[in-house]
N, C-alpha and C. Protein backbone atom coordinates (compact mmCIF):
# COMPACT_ATOMS: atom_id res chain seq x y z
N MET A 1 -2.66 39.22 6.17
CA MET A 1 -1.53 38.17 7.18
C MET A 1 -1.73 36.43 6.77
N LYS A 2 -3.55 36.10 6.75
CA LYS A 2 -3.53 35.08 6.61
C LYS A 2 -3.18 34.25 5.41
N ASN A 3 -3.32 35.10 4.40
CA ASN A 3 -2.80 34.50 2.84
C ASN A 3 -1.32 34.50 2.65
N ASN A 4 -0.98 35.49 3.23
CA ASN A 4 0.76 35.65 3.87
C ASN A 4 1.38 33.78 4.38
N ASN A 5 0.66 33.74 4.92
CA ASN A 5 0.99 32.14 5.97
C ASN A 5 0.92 31.41 5.34
N ILE A 6 -0.51 31.18 4.67
CA ILE A 6 -0.35 29.90 3.29
C ILE A 6 0.66 30.15 2.58
N SER A 7 1.36 31.19 1.93
CA SER A 7 2.10 31.05 1.03
C SER A 7 3.46 30.62 1.38
N LYS A 8 3.75 31.20 2.54
CA LYS A 8 5.04 30.81 3.07
C LYS A 8 5.32 29.11 3.50
N SER A 9 4.12 29.00 3.81
CA SER A 9 3.46 27.20 3.93
C SER A 9 4.37 26.44 2.71
N TYR A 10 3.16 26.81 1.79
CA TYR A 10 3.42 26.83 0.71
C TYR A 10 5.15 26.55 0.14
N GLU A 11 5.52 27.96 -0.14
CA GLU A 11 7.35 28.16 -0.45
C GLU A 11 7.96 27.16 0.79
N ARG A 12 7.86 27.03 1.35
CA ARG A 12 8.69 25.85 2.54
C ARG A 12 8.93 25.00 1.38
N LEU A 13 7.78 24.17 0.95
CA LEU A 13 7.90 22.67 -0.07
C LEU A 13 8.56 23.16 -0.89
N LEU A 14 8.91 24.40 -1.61
CA LEU A 14 9.87 24.44 -2.60
C LEU A 14 11.28 25.00 -2.30
N VAL A 15 11.49 24.95 -1.11
CA VAL A 15 12.63 25.58 -0.58
C VAL A 15 14.02 24.19 0.00
N GLY A 16 12.94 23.54 0.22
CA GLY A 16 13.18 21.61 0.78
C GLY A 16 13.75 21.14 -0.22
N ASN A 17 13.01 21.71 -1.59
CA ASN A 17 13.43 20.78 -2.61
C ASN A 17 14.69 21.21 -3.43
N LYS A 18 14.60 22.73 -2.94
CA LYS A 18 16.33 22.86 -3.44
C LYS A 18 17.05 22.42 -2.73
N ASP A 19 17.08 22.28 -1.35
CA ASP A 19 17.81 22.00 -0.63
C ASP A 19 18.43 20.67 -0.34
N TRP A 20 17.41 20.06 -0.92
CA TRP A 20 17.57 18.21 -1.05
C TRP A 20 18.04 18.27 -2.19
N ALA A 21 17.64 18.77 -3.42
CA ALA A 21 18.55 18.73 -4.58
C ALA A 21 20.07 18.79 -4.44
N ALA A 22 20.65 20.14 -4.02
CA ALA A 22 21.43 20.69 -3.63
C ALA A 22 22.30 19.11 -2.63
N GLU A 23 21.96 18.82 -1.83
CA GLU A 23 22.56 17.80 -0.56
C GLU A 23 22.67 16.75 -1.32
N LYS A 24 22.26 16.19 -2.70
CA LYS A 24 21.90 15.03 -3.28
C LYS A 24 23.33 15.18 -4.28
N LEU A 25 23.51 16.36 -4.73
CA LEU A 25 24.52 16.65 -5.78
C LEU A 25 25.87 16.92 -5.13
N LYS A 26 25.80 17.15 -3.68
CA LYS A 26 26.89 17.54 -2.98
C LYS A 26 27.58 16.03 -3.27
N ASN A 27 26.20 14.90 -2.35
CA ASN A 27 27.06 13.63 -2.03
C ASN A 27 27.40 12.71 -3.61
N ASP A 28 26.92 12.85 -4.36
CA ASP A 28 26.78 12.29 -5.92
C ASP A 28 26.57 13.49 -6.97
N PRO A 29 27.36 13.97 -7.11
CA PRO A 29 26.94 14.72 -8.61
C PRO A 29 26.60 14.39 -10.01
N ASN A 30 26.37 12.97 -10.41
CA ASN A 30 25.45 12.49 -11.24
C ASN A 30 24.15 11.22 -11.10
N TYR A 31 24.03 11.93 -9.29
CA TYR A 31 22.74 11.57 -8.68
C TYR A 31 21.63 11.57 -9.74
N PHE A 32 21.04 12.94 -10.25
CA PHE A 32 19.76 12.76 -10.84
C PHE A 32 20.39 12.55 -12.44
N LYS A 33 21.43 12.39 -13.15
CA LYS A 33 21.51 12.24 -14.65
C LYS A 33 21.37 10.36 -14.19
N GLY A 34 21.79 9.97 -13.15
CA GLY A 34 21.40 8.18 -12.90
C GLY A 34 19.63 7.89 -13.02
N LEU A 35 19.27 8.65 -12.20
CA LEU A 35 17.57 8.52 -12.21
C LEU A 35 16.91 8.90 -13.71
N SER A 36 17.55 9.38 -14.63
CA SER A 36 16.94 10.22 -15.12
C SER A 36 16.72 8.84 -16.45
N LEU A 37 18.03 8.09 -16.28
CA LEU A 37 18.23 6.72 -17.23
C LEU A 37 17.35 5.93 -17.58
N GLY A 38 15.69 5.87 -15.97
CA GLY A 38 14.84 4.69 -16.23
C GLY A 38 14.84 4.52 -14.89
N GLN A 39 14.11 3.37 -14.53
CA GLN A 39 13.61 3.18 -13.16
C GLN A 39 13.73 1.34 -13.54
N ASN A 40 14.27 0.45 -12.33
CA ASN A 40 14.04 -0.39 -12.34
C ASN A 40 14.04 -1.51 -10.60
N PRO A 41 12.74 -0.77 -10.44
CA PRO A 41 12.53 -1.36 -9.07
C PRO A 41 12.09 -3.02 -8.77
N GLU A 42 12.35 -3.70 -8.07
CA GLU A 42 11.88 -4.86 -7.56
C GLU A 42 10.97 -5.19 -6.94
N TYR A 43 9.90 -4.20 -6.41
CA TYR A 43 9.03 -3.82 -5.45
C TYR A 43 7.88 -2.99 -5.74
N LEU A 44 6.76 -3.66 -5.91
CA LEU A 44 5.65 -2.53 -5.98
C LEU A 44 4.89 -2.63 -4.19
N TRP A 45 4.56 -1.59 -4.28
CA TRP A 45 3.94 -0.85 -2.85
C TRP A 45 3.04 -0.72 -2.76
N ILE A 46 2.20 -1.45 -2.22
CA ILE A 46 0.33 -1.17 -2.48
C ILE A 46 0.20 -0.21 -0.68
N GLY A 47 0.42 0.51 -0.61
CA GLY A 47 0.06 1.48 1.13
C GLY A 47 -1.41 2.33 1.40
N CYS A 48 -1.16 3.16 2.29
CA CYS A 48 -2.22 4.16 2.68
C CYS A 48 -1.63 4.86 2.46
N SER A 49 -2.64 5.68 2.07
CA SER A 49 -2.36 7.30 1.60
C SER A 49 -1.91 7.92 2.90
N ASP A 50 -1.85 7.64 3.82
CA ASP A 50 -1.27 8.04 5.53
C ASP A 50 -0.31 8.85 5.24
N SER A 51 -0.14 9.91 5.82
CA SER A 51 1.43 10.56 5.28
C SER A 51 2.58 10.51 6.14
N ARG A 52 1.83 9.47 7.17
CA ARG A 52 3.43 9.57 8.07
C ARG A 52 3.61 7.88 7.70
N VAL A 53 3.65 7.28 6.55
CA VAL A 53 4.08 6.11 5.97
C VAL A 53 4.28 6.31 4.81
N PRO A 54 6.02 7.03 4.54
CA PRO A 54 6.46 6.83 3.18
C PRO A 54 6.89 5.81 3.13
N ALA A 55 6.78 4.91 2.12
CA ALA A 55 6.94 3.77 1.94
C ALA A 55 8.99 3.70 1.73
N ASN A 56 9.48 4.47 0.97
CA ASN A 56 10.98 4.66 0.97
C ASN A 56 11.73 5.16 2.33
N GLU A 57 11.20 5.93 2.83
CA GLU A 57 11.49 6.05 4.03
C GLU A 57 11.44 5.28 5.35
N ILE A 58 10.37 4.53 5.84
CA ILE A 58 10.38 3.27 6.53
C ILE A 58 11.01 1.88 6.39
N THR A 59 11.68 2.06 4.81
CA THR A 59 12.60 0.93 4.24
C THR A 59 13.45 1.28 3.80
N ASN A 60 13.74 2.97 4.32
CA ASN A 60 15.26 2.70 4.22
C ASN A 60 15.54 2.64 2.75
N THR A 61 14.99 2.99 1.42
CA THR A 61 15.42 2.84 0.42
C THR A 61 15.45 3.66 -0.36
N LYS A 62 16.09 3.45 -1.53
CA LYS A 62 16.55 5.05 -2.29
C LYS A 62 15.43 4.96 -3.37
N SER A 63 15.45 5.99 -3.75
CA SER A 63 14.38 6.72 -5.33
C SER A 63 14.43 5.76 -5.82
N GLY A 64 13.74 4.85 -7.00
CA GLY A 64 13.82 4.46 -7.83
C GLY A 64 13.99 3.01 -7.84
N GLU A 65 13.94 2.35 -5.76
CA GLU A 65 14.06 0.77 -5.42
C GLU A 65 12.25 0.38 -5.43
N ILE A 66 11.75 1.40 -5.38
CA ILE A 66 9.61 0.90 -5.33
C ILE A 66 9.11 1.42 -5.97
N PHE A 67 8.35 0.45 -6.59
CA PHE A 67 7.04 1.14 -7.68
C PHE A 67 6.02 1.62 -6.16
N VAL A 68 5.08 2.75 -6.72
CA VAL A 68 3.95 2.82 -5.27
C VAL A 68 3.01 3.32 -5.66
N HIS A 69 2.20 2.67 -5.07
CA HIS A 69 0.43 3.31 -5.56
C HIS A 69 0.03 2.91 -4.13
N ARG A 70 -0.90 4.62 -3.29
CA ARG A 70 -1.67 4.41 -2.51
C ARG A 70 -3.14 4.90 -2.24
N ASN A 71 -3.62 4.42 -1.13
CA ASN A 71 -5.42 4.68 -1.11
C ASN A 71 -5.23 4.95 0.31
N ILE A 72 -6.52 5.29 0.33
CA ILE A 72 -7.36 4.86 1.65
C ILE A 72 -7.17 3.86 2.65
N ALA A 73 -6.66 3.75 3.80
CA ALA A 73 -6.15 1.53 4.29
C ALA A 73 -5.89 0.95 3.08
N ASN A 74 -5.22 1.65 2.29
CA ASN A 74 -4.55 0.06 1.20
C ASN A 74 -5.00 -1.01 0.67
N VAL A 75 -6.28 -0.65 0.35
CA VAL A 75 -7.61 -1.80 -0.09
C VAL A 75 -7.08 -1.86 -1.93
N VAL A 76 -7.30 -3.03 -2.49
CA VAL A 76 -6.59 -3.53 -3.69
C VAL A 76 -8.43 -3.93 -3.77
N VAL A 77 -8.92 -3.08 -4.52
CA VAL A 77 -10.67 -3.32 -5.67
C VAL A 77 -10.17 -3.84 -6.65
N HIS A 78 -11.05 -4.49 -7.42
CA HIS A 78 -11.11 -5.25 -8.59
C HIS A 78 -11.82 -4.26 -9.76
N THR A 79 -12.11 -3.12 -9.19
CA THR A 79 -13.07 -2.28 -9.85
C THR A 79 -12.14 -0.83 -10.21
N ASP A 80 -10.80 -0.94 -9.28
CA ASP A 80 -10.21 0.48 -9.30
C ASP A 80 -9.01 0.23 -10.55
N MET A 81 -9.28 1.18 -11.73
CA MET A 81 -8.80 1.30 -12.95
C MET A 81 -7.74 2.06 -12.20
N ASN A 82 -7.72 2.66 -11.37
CA ASN A 82 -6.07 3.36 -10.87
C ASN A 82 -5.18 2.19 -10.16
N LEU A 83 -5.82 1.16 -9.83
CA LEU A 83 -4.15 0.35 -8.69
C LEU A 83 -4.60 -0.50 -10.16
N LEU A 84 -5.48 -0.99 -10.80
CA LEU A 84 -4.82 -2.06 -11.44
C LEU A 84 -3.92 -1.94 -12.63
N SER A 85 -3.91 -0.51 -13.06
CA SER A 85 -3.44 -0.01 -14.39
C SER A 85 -1.67 -0.33 -13.33
N VAL A 86 -1.97 0.83 -11.92
CA VAL A 86 -0.20 0.50 -11.69
C VAL A 86 -0.14 -0.67 -11.38
N LEU A 87 -0.72 -1.81 -11.05
CA LEU A 87 -0.27 -3.00 -11.00
C LEU A 87 0.36 -3.54 -12.55
N TYR A 88 -0.52 -3.72 -13.66
CA TYR A 88 0.01 -4.08 -14.79
C TYR A 88 0.78 -3.40 -15.25
N TYR A 89 1.13 -1.69 -14.95
CA TYR A 89 2.56 -1.19 -15.61
C TYR A 89 3.69 -2.24 -14.69
N ALA A 90 3.68 -2.60 -13.11
CA ALA A 90 4.79 -2.96 -12.31
C ALA A 90 4.71 -4.33 -12.88
N VAL A 91 3.97 -5.25 -12.82
CA VAL A 91 3.89 -6.43 -13.20
C VAL A 91 4.29 -6.73 -14.63
N GLU A 92 3.63 -6.13 -15.78
CA GLU A 92 4.37 -6.60 -17.09
C GLU A 92 5.26 -6.11 -17.87
N VAL A 93 5.30 -4.75 -17.07
CA VAL A 93 6.37 -4.08 -17.75
C VAL A 93 7.87 -3.92 -17.15
N LEU A 94 7.78 -3.62 -15.73
CA LEU A 94 9.18 -2.97 -14.76
C LEU A 94 9.17 -4.66 -14.14
N HIS A 95 8.42 -5.51 -14.55
CA HIS A 95 8.78 -6.87 -14.02
C HIS A 95 9.43 -6.89 -12.48
N VAL A 96 8.67 -6.24 -11.52
CA VAL A 96 8.79 -6.23 -10.34
C VAL A 96 8.68 -7.70 -9.98
N LYS A 97 9.46 -7.78 -8.71
CA LYS A 97 9.60 -9.74 -8.03
C LYS A 97 8.28 -9.84 -7.01
N HIS A 98 8.38 -8.54 -6.24
CA HIS A 98 7.62 -8.85 -5.01
C HIS A 98 6.47 -7.11 -5.29
N VAL A 99 5.09 -8.00 -4.78
CA VAL A 99 4.23 -7.13 -4.61
C VAL A 99 4.04 -6.97 -3.47
N ILE A 100 3.55 -5.95 -2.56
CA ILE A 100 3.53 -5.30 -1.22
C ILE A 100 2.32 -5.06 -0.83
N VAL A 101 1.63 -5.22 0.19
CA VAL A 101 0.32 -4.37 0.82
C VAL A 101 0.87 -4.05 2.56
N CYS A 102 1.07 -2.48 2.58
CA CYS A 102 1.72 -2.21 3.86
C CYS A 102 0.94 -1.21 4.55
N GLY A 103 -0.33 -2.08 5.48
CA GLY A 103 -1.43 -1.05 6.76
C GLY A 103 -0.30 -0.60 7.17
N HIS A 104 -1.43 0.32 8.25
CA HIS A 104 -0.54 0.14 9.65
C HIS A 104 -1.21 -0.02 10.80
N TYR A 105 -1.14 0.50 11.70
CA TYR A 105 -2.03 0.10 12.92
C TYR A 105 -2.35 2.12 13.17
N GLY A 106 -3.38 1.99 13.58
CA GLY A 106 -4.29 3.30 13.93
C GLY A 106 -4.35 3.75 12.62
N CYS A 107 -4.78 3.02 11.74
CA CYS A 107 -5.47 3.93 10.01
C CYS A 107 -6.83 4.33 10.48
N GLY A 108 -6.85 5.63 9.86
CA GLY A 108 -7.86 6.01 10.63
C GLY A 108 -9.34 5.90 9.18
N GLY A 109 -8.88 5.02 7.81
CA GLY A 109 -9.71 4.27 7.03
C GLY A 109 -10.15 3.19 7.92
N ILE A 110 -9.63 2.17 8.59
CA ILE A 110 -9.94 1.13 9.34
C ILE A 110 -11.28 1.32 10.63
N LEU A 111 -10.64 2.56 11.09
CA LEU A 111 -11.33 3.05 12.78
C LEU A 111 -12.52 3.46 11.80
N ALA A 112 -12.66 4.76 10.48
CA ALA A 112 -14.26 4.68 10.23
C ALA A 112 -14.93 3.51 9.34
N ALA A 113 -14.15 2.90 9.83
CA ALA A 113 -15.06 1.65 8.77
C ALA A 113 -15.65 0.89 10.05
N MET A 114 -15.12 0.89 11.00
CA MET A 114 -15.70 0.38 11.83
C MET A 114 -16.73 1.27 13.02
N GLU A 115 -17.13 2.25 12.19
CA GLU A 115 -18.14 3.15 12.73
C GLU A 115 -19.45 3.11 12.25
N ASN A 116 -20.18 3.89 12.07
CA ASN A 116 -21.48 3.81 11.53
C ASN A 116 -21.72 5.32 11.08
N LYS A 117 -20.65 6.36 11.29
CA LYS A 117 -21.12 7.70 10.58
C LYS A 117 -21.32 7.63 9.37
N ASP A 118 -21.81 8.56 9.29
CA ASP A 118 -21.68 9.08 7.86
C ASP A 118 -20.58 9.94 7.19
N GLN A 119 -19.43 9.41 6.24
CA GLN A 119 -18.23 9.86 6.10
C GLN A 119 -18.36 10.22 4.48
N GLY A 120 -19.89 10.80 4.14
CA GLY A 120 -19.98 11.50 2.84
C GLY A 120 -19.35 10.76 1.94
N PHE A 121 -18.96 11.52 0.98
CA PHE A 121 -18.52 10.60 -0.19
C PHE A 121 -17.17 9.26 0.35
N VAL A 122 -16.46 9.41 0.97
CA VAL A 122 -15.49 8.36 1.60
C VAL A 122 -16.47 7.00 2.01
N ASN A 123 -17.63 7.14 1.81
CA ASN A 123 -18.67 6.36 2.22
C ASN A 123 -17.96 5.16 1.54
N ASN A 124 -18.31 5.53 -0.20
CA ASN A 124 -18.27 4.72 -1.09
C ASN A 124 -16.73 4.18 -0.86
N TRP A 125 -15.99 4.26 -0.66
CA TRP A 125 -14.77 3.29 -0.60
C TRP A 125 -14.55 2.38 1.02
N LEU A 126 -15.39 3.32 2.21
CA LEU A 126 -14.96 2.29 3.15
C LEU A 126 -16.05 1.20 2.82
N ARG A 127 -16.71 0.75 2.29
CA ARG A 127 -17.92 0.09 1.85
C ARG A 127 -17.40 -1.65 1.99
N ASN A 128 -15.94 -0.91 0.49
CA ASN A 128 -14.88 -2.37 0.64
C ASN A 128 -14.14 -2.93 2.43
N ILE A 129 -14.08 -1.84 2.74
CA ILE A 129 -13.37 -2.04 4.11
C ILE A 129 -14.13 -2.61 5.31
N LYS A 130 -15.43 -2.69 5.05
CA LYS A 130 -16.91 -2.98 5.93
C LYS A 130 -17.25 -4.38 5.85
N GLU A 131 -16.80 -4.70 4.28
CA GLU A 131 -17.12 -5.97 3.79
C GLU A 131 -15.86 -7.02 4.34
N VAL A 132 -14.64 -6.39 4.98
CA VAL A 132 -14.04 -6.92 5.27
C VAL A 132 -13.96 -7.45 7.14
N TYR A 133 -14.58 -6.54 7.65
CA TYR A 133 -14.95 -6.34 8.94
C TYR A 133 -16.10 -7.79 9.02
N GLU A 134 -17.12 -7.61 8.38
CA GLU A 134 -18.54 -8.82 8.04
C GLU A 134 -18.33 -10.02 7.99
N LYS A 135 -16.70 -9.60 7.01
CA LYS A 135 -16.37 -11.74 6.55
C LYS A 135 -15.83 -11.77 8.05
N HIS A 136 -14.85 -11.29 8.92
CA HIS A 136 -14.23 -11.52 10.16
C HIS A 136 -15.10 -11.49 10.67
N ARG A 137 -16.39 -11.11 11.31
CA ARG A 137 -16.74 -10.55 12.16
C ARG A 137 -16.95 -11.37 13.56
N GLU A 138 -17.08 -12.72 13.67
CA GLU A 138 -17.41 -13.56 14.95
C GLU A 138 -16.01 -13.14 15.33
N GLN A 139 -14.84 -13.42 14.38
CA GLN A 139 -13.30 -12.94 15.31
C GLN A 139 -13.43 -11.36 15.64
N LEU A 140 -13.88 -10.72 14.79
CA LEU A 140 -13.52 -9.27 15.78
C LEU A 140 -14.13 -8.80 17.00
N ASN A 141 -15.52 -9.61 16.56
CA ASN A 141 -16.44 -9.00 17.73
C ASN A 141 -15.92 -9.50 19.15
N ALA A 142 -14.84 -10.51 19.07
CA ALA A 142 -14.69 -11.60 20.06
C ALA A 142 -13.38 -10.38 21.20
N ILE A 143 -12.92 -9.61 20.36
CA ILE A 143 -12.17 -9.14 20.80
C ILE A 143 -12.54 -7.97 21.84
N SER A 144 -12.65 -7.58 23.15
CA SER A 144 -13.55 -6.98 23.89
C SER A 144 -12.19 -5.63 23.43
N ASP A 145 -11.62 -5.30 23.87
CA ASP A 145 -10.42 -3.89 23.92
C ASP A 145 -10.63 -3.51 22.30
N PHE A 146 -10.96 -2.53 22.02
CA PHE A 146 -11.07 -1.39 20.56
C PHE A 146 -10.01 -1.50 20.51
N LYS A 147 -8.70 -1.21 20.42
CA LYS A 147 -7.62 -1.19 20.69
C LYS A 147 -7.18 -2.12 19.75
N GLU A 148 -7.10 -3.26 20.45
CA GLU A 148 -6.75 -4.50 19.91
C GLU A 148 -7.50 -5.30 18.88
N ARG A 149 -8.88 -5.00 18.77
CA ARG A 149 -9.76 -5.45 17.93
C ARG A 149 -9.01 -4.69 16.22
N SER A 150 -9.34 -2.91 16.93
CA SER A 150 -8.66 -2.86 15.36
C SER A 150 -7.75 -3.00 14.71
N ASN A 151 -6.73 -2.94 15.68
CA ASN A 151 -4.99 -3.53 15.12
C ASN A 151 -5.32 -5.52 14.52
N ARG A 152 -6.12 -5.62 14.65
CA ARG A 152 -6.36 -7.06 14.33
C ARG A 152 -6.99 -6.89 13.08
N PHE A 153 -7.94 -5.83 13.16
CA PHE A 153 -8.58 -5.56 11.96
C PHE A 153 -8.09 -5.07 10.89
N VAL A 154 -6.74 -4.46 11.30
CA VAL A 154 -5.66 -3.62 10.36
C VAL A 154 -4.92 -5.27 9.58
N GLU A 155 -4.94 -6.00 10.45
CA GLU A 155 -3.68 -7.20 10.15
C GLU A 155 -5.09 -8.15 9.09
N LEU A 156 -6.40 -8.23 9.43
CA LEU A 156 -7.16 -9.05 8.59
C LEU A 156 -7.48 -8.13 6.98
N ASN A 157 -7.14 -7.08 7.35
CA ASN A 157 -7.27 -5.97 5.80
C ASN A 157 -6.25 -6.45 4.80
N VAL A 158 -5.32 -6.23 5.75
CA VAL A 158 -3.97 -6.40 4.89
C VAL A 158 -3.66 -7.60 3.64
N ILE A 159 -4.25 -8.73 4.81
CA ILE A 159 -4.51 -10.18 4.35
C ILE A 159 -5.12 -10.35 3.21
N GLU A 160 -6.75 -9.59 3.71
CA GLU A 160 -7.85 -9.78 2.50
C GLU A 160 -7.38 -8.92 1.18
N GLN A 161 -6.12 -8.14 1.21
CA GLN A 161 -6.32 -7.60 0.16
C GLN A 161 -5.30 -8.35 -0.57
N VAL A 162 -3.94 -9.30 -0.38
CA VAL A 162 -3.20 -9.90 -0.28
C VAL A 162 -4.10 -10.64 -1.18
N HIS A 163 -5.24 -11.44 -0.66
CA HIS A 163 -6.02 -12.18 -1.35
C HIS A 163 -6.37 -11.47 -2.52
N ASN A 164 -6.63 -11.11 -3.11
CA ASN A 164 -7.52 -9.90 -3.24
C ASN A 164 -6.56 -9.10 -5.00
N LEU A 165 -5.17 -9.51 -4.75
CA LEU A 165 -4.30 -9.28 -5.54
C LEU A 165 -3.93 -10.41 -6.51
N ALA A 166 -4.18 -11.46 -5.87
CA ALA A 166 -3.89 -13.16 -6.35
C ALA A 166 -4.73 -13.66 -7.20
N LYS A 167 -6.63 -13.00 -7.11
CA LYS A 167 -7.74 -13.23 -7.74
C LYS A 167 -7.66 -12.37 -9.06
N THR A 168 -6.63 -11.45 -9.21
CA THR A 168 -6.41 -10.48 -10.27
C THR A 168 -5.61 -11.86 -11.89
N VAL A 169 -6.27 -11.84 -13.14
CA VAL A 169 -5.40 -12.04 -13.91
C VAL A 169 -4.25 -11.75 -13.96
N ILE A 170 -3.60 -10.36 -13.98
CA ILE A 170 -2.30 -9.75 -14.00
C ILE A 170 -1.51 -10.82 -13.00
N VAL A 171 -2.17 -11.19 -11.60
CA VAL A 171 -1.22 -11.50 -10.83
C VAL A 171 -0.80 -12.91 -11.41
N GLN A 172 -1.72 -14.06 -11.88
CA GLN A 172 -2.03 -15.36 -12.03
C GLN A 172 -1.31 -14.97 -13.78
N ARG A 173 -1.50 -14.52 -14.25
CA ARG A 173 -0.91 -14.79 -15.62
C ARG A 173 0.74 -14.34 -15.40
N ALA A 174 1.21 -13.90 -14.68
CA ALA A 174 3.16 -13.40 -13.69
C ALA A 174 3.10 -14.81 -13.55
N TRP A 175 2.38 -15.83 -12.46
CA TRP A 175 2.26 -16.84 -11.81
C TRP A 175 2.42 -18.09 -12.93
N LYS A 176 2.22 -18.11 -14.20
CA LYS A 176 2.24 -18.74 -14.75
C LYS A 176 3.99 -18.54 -16.14
N ARG A 177 4.23 -17.42 -15.85
CA ARG A 177 5.40 -17.36 -16.19
C ARG A 177 6.81 -17.59 -15.48
N ARG A 178 6.37 -16.59 -13.83
CA ARG A 178 8.13 -16.58 -13.52
C ARG A 178 7.26 -16.62 -12.20
N GLU A 179 8.53 -15.82 -11.38
CA GLU A 179 7.94 -16.12 -9.70
C GLU A 179 7.50 -14.89 -9.69
N LEU A 180 6.62 -14.31 -8.52
CA LEU A 180 6.15 -13.12 -7.90
C LEU A 180 5.96 -13.42 -7.02
N GLN A 181 5.97 -12.60 -5.91
CA GLN A 181 5.43 -13.26 -4.43
C GLN A 181 4.73 -11.98 -3.88
N ILE A 182 4.20 -12.24 -3.53
CA ILE A 182 3.25 -11.38 -3.00
C ILE A 182 3.06 -11.32 -1.21
N HIS A 183 3.30 -9.78 -0.55
CA HIS A 183 3.22 -9.84 0.99
C HIS A 183 2.47 -9.05 1.55
N GLY A 184 1.99 -9.30 2.76
CA GLY A 184 1.59 -8.57 3.63
C GLY A 184 2.05 -7.98 4.66
N TRP A 185 1.98 -6.85 5.16
CA TRP A 185 3.00 -5.94 6.24
C TRP A 185 1.84 -5.30 6.99
N VAL A 186 2.47 -5.14 8.16
CA VAL A 186 1.95 -3.91 8.79
C VAL A 186 2.73 -2.88 9.52
N TYR A 187 2.37 -1.63 9.48
CA TYR A 187 3.77 -0.97 10.12
C TYR A 187 2.97 -0.59 11.58
N GLY A 188 4.42 -0.13 11.94
CA GLY A 188 3.79 0.17 13.84
C GLY A 188 3.80 1.55 14.26
N PHE A 189 2.84 2.86 14.30
CA PHE A 189 3.57 3.73 14.62
C PHE A 189 4.60 4.11 16.11
N ASP A 190 4.36 2.62 17.15
CA ASP A 190 4.76 3.05 18.35
C ASP A 190 6.20 2.48 18.41
N ASN A 191 6.54 1.74 17.57
CA ASN A 191 8.33 1.60 17.56
C ASN A 191 9.09 1.59 16.24
N GLY A 192 8.05 2.09 14.46
CA GLY A 192 8.36 2.20 13.67
C GLY A 192 8.98 0.96 12.66
N LEU A 193 8.73 -0.45 13.48
CA LEU A 193 9.05 -1.31 13.01
C LEU A 193 7.37 -1.73 11.99
N ILE A 194 8.11 -2.98 10.83
CA ILE A 194 7.34 -3.34 10.14
C ILE A 194 7.59 -4.87 10.49
N LYS A 195 5.52 -5.51 10.76
CA LYS A 195 5.01 -6.74 10.98
C LYS A 195 4.68 -7.50 9.82
N ASP A 196 5.55 -8.76 9.15
CA ASP A 196 5.41 -9.53 8.37
C ASP A 196 4.41 -10.46 8.59
N LEU A 197 3.23 -10.63 7.90
CA LEU A 197 1.85 -11.44 8.55
C LEU A 197 2.34 -12.57 7.33
N LYS A 198 3.33 -12.78 6.97
CA LYS A 198 3.36 -14.16 6.05
C LYS A 198 2.11 -14.98 6.27
N VAL A 199 2.06 -13.96 5.11
CA VAL A 199 0.58 -14.03 3.65
C VAL A 199 0.87 -15.58 3.02
N MET A 200 0.42 -16.35 3.03
CA MET A 200 1.16 -17.88 2.02
C MET A 200 0.07 -18.10 0.99
N VAL A 201 0.00 -16.49 -0.43
CA VAL A 201 -0.35 -16.68 -1.08
C VAL A 201 0.36 -16.78 -2.24
N ASN A 202 1.11 -17.35 -3.05
CA ASN A 202 1.97 -17.10 -3.90
C ASN A 202 1.91 -17.82 -5.43
N GLU A 203 0.47 -18.97 -5.55
CA GLU A 203 0.78 -19.45 -6.79
C GLU A 203 -0.72 -19.61 -6.76
N ILE A 204 -1.24 -19.88 -7.70
CA ILE A 204 -2.32 -20.13 -8.54
C ILE A 204 -3.22 -21.23 -7.37
N SER A 205 -2.64 -22.36 -6.99
CA SER A 205 -3.20 -22.99 -6.55
C SER A 205 -3.76 -22.93 -4.67
N ASP A 206 -2.88 -22.01 -4.59
CA ASP A 206 -3.29 -21.33 -3.13
C ASP A 206 -4.78 -20.62 -3.33
N LEU A 207 -5.40 -19.97 -4.72
CA LEU A 207 -6.77 -19.52 -4.74
C LEU A 207 -8.00 -20.60 -4.50
N GLU A 208 -9.01 -20.43 -4.18
CA GLU A 208 -10.38 -21.07 -4.49
C GLU A 208 -10.48 -21.54 -5.23
N PRO A 209 -10.66 -22.63 -6.13
CA PRO A 209 -10.76 -22.84 -7.68
C PRO A 209 -12.21 -21.90 -8.28
N ILE A 210 -13.06 -21.27 -7.66
CA ILE A 210 -13.63 -20.28 -8.67
C ILE A 210 -12.64 -18.98 -9.02
N PHE A 211 -11.76 -18.41 -8.35
CA PHE A 211 -11.08 -17.39 -8.10
C PHE A 211 -9.69 -17.74 -9.70
N ARG A 212 -9.27 -19.05 -10.20
CA ARG A 212 -8.36 -19.71 -10.74
C ARG A 212 -9.02 -19.22 -12.51
N TYR A 213 -7.90 -18.64 -12.83
CA TYR A 213 -8.42 -18.58 -14.36
C TYR A 213 -7.93 -19.50 -15.62
N ASP A 214 -8.57 -19.75 -16.01
CA ASP A 214 -7.55 -20.62 -17.18
C ASP A 214 -6.51 -20.00 -18.15
N LEU A 215 -5.58 -20.01 -17.99
CA LEU A 215 -4.53 -19.37 -18.99
C LEU A 215 -3.22 -20.36 -19.38
């Protein structure tokens, strides 16, 4: 019986796929033919892996409009070959016009990074987030309410990741040739709205000199 329940849970996804495909074809007989011709997204979305924050759904966009990379707490790490490969492809091949780092309030990765519990293998990833807390510890420790502190930490983490993006040679090379904007957003579960943090890092001169490449 237990295995049967697991199978039904799994099969529900396949049934859902058939229903979705049928609905798309009903509305537009050429829908999948159009998708098969290629993609030309204007946006790269670097978001959290949290299942409650699907990029297309919360921005009301269609398939093909957003190129997506997701990881725990939407972190940009200079040694993450997965993220850097996605960034390179989005910027150099797809020529996206905007790169968006989108975090969300109540992020489990952020909350875990605020604690000292052993999280197993995830400790290695949380280390990157803990370093953001350490950098802003005076501001964060001054906030007595835990929820308010965690929400501010979410925002500061997004801002830090935007700066990390700007420190990559991929982004700086693009800035030399064309306009590429980087944005920091935070999504809220309480109202479903996105907050634009208005992070102003959109050219090499916005960076500290040590992080500027000679291109």
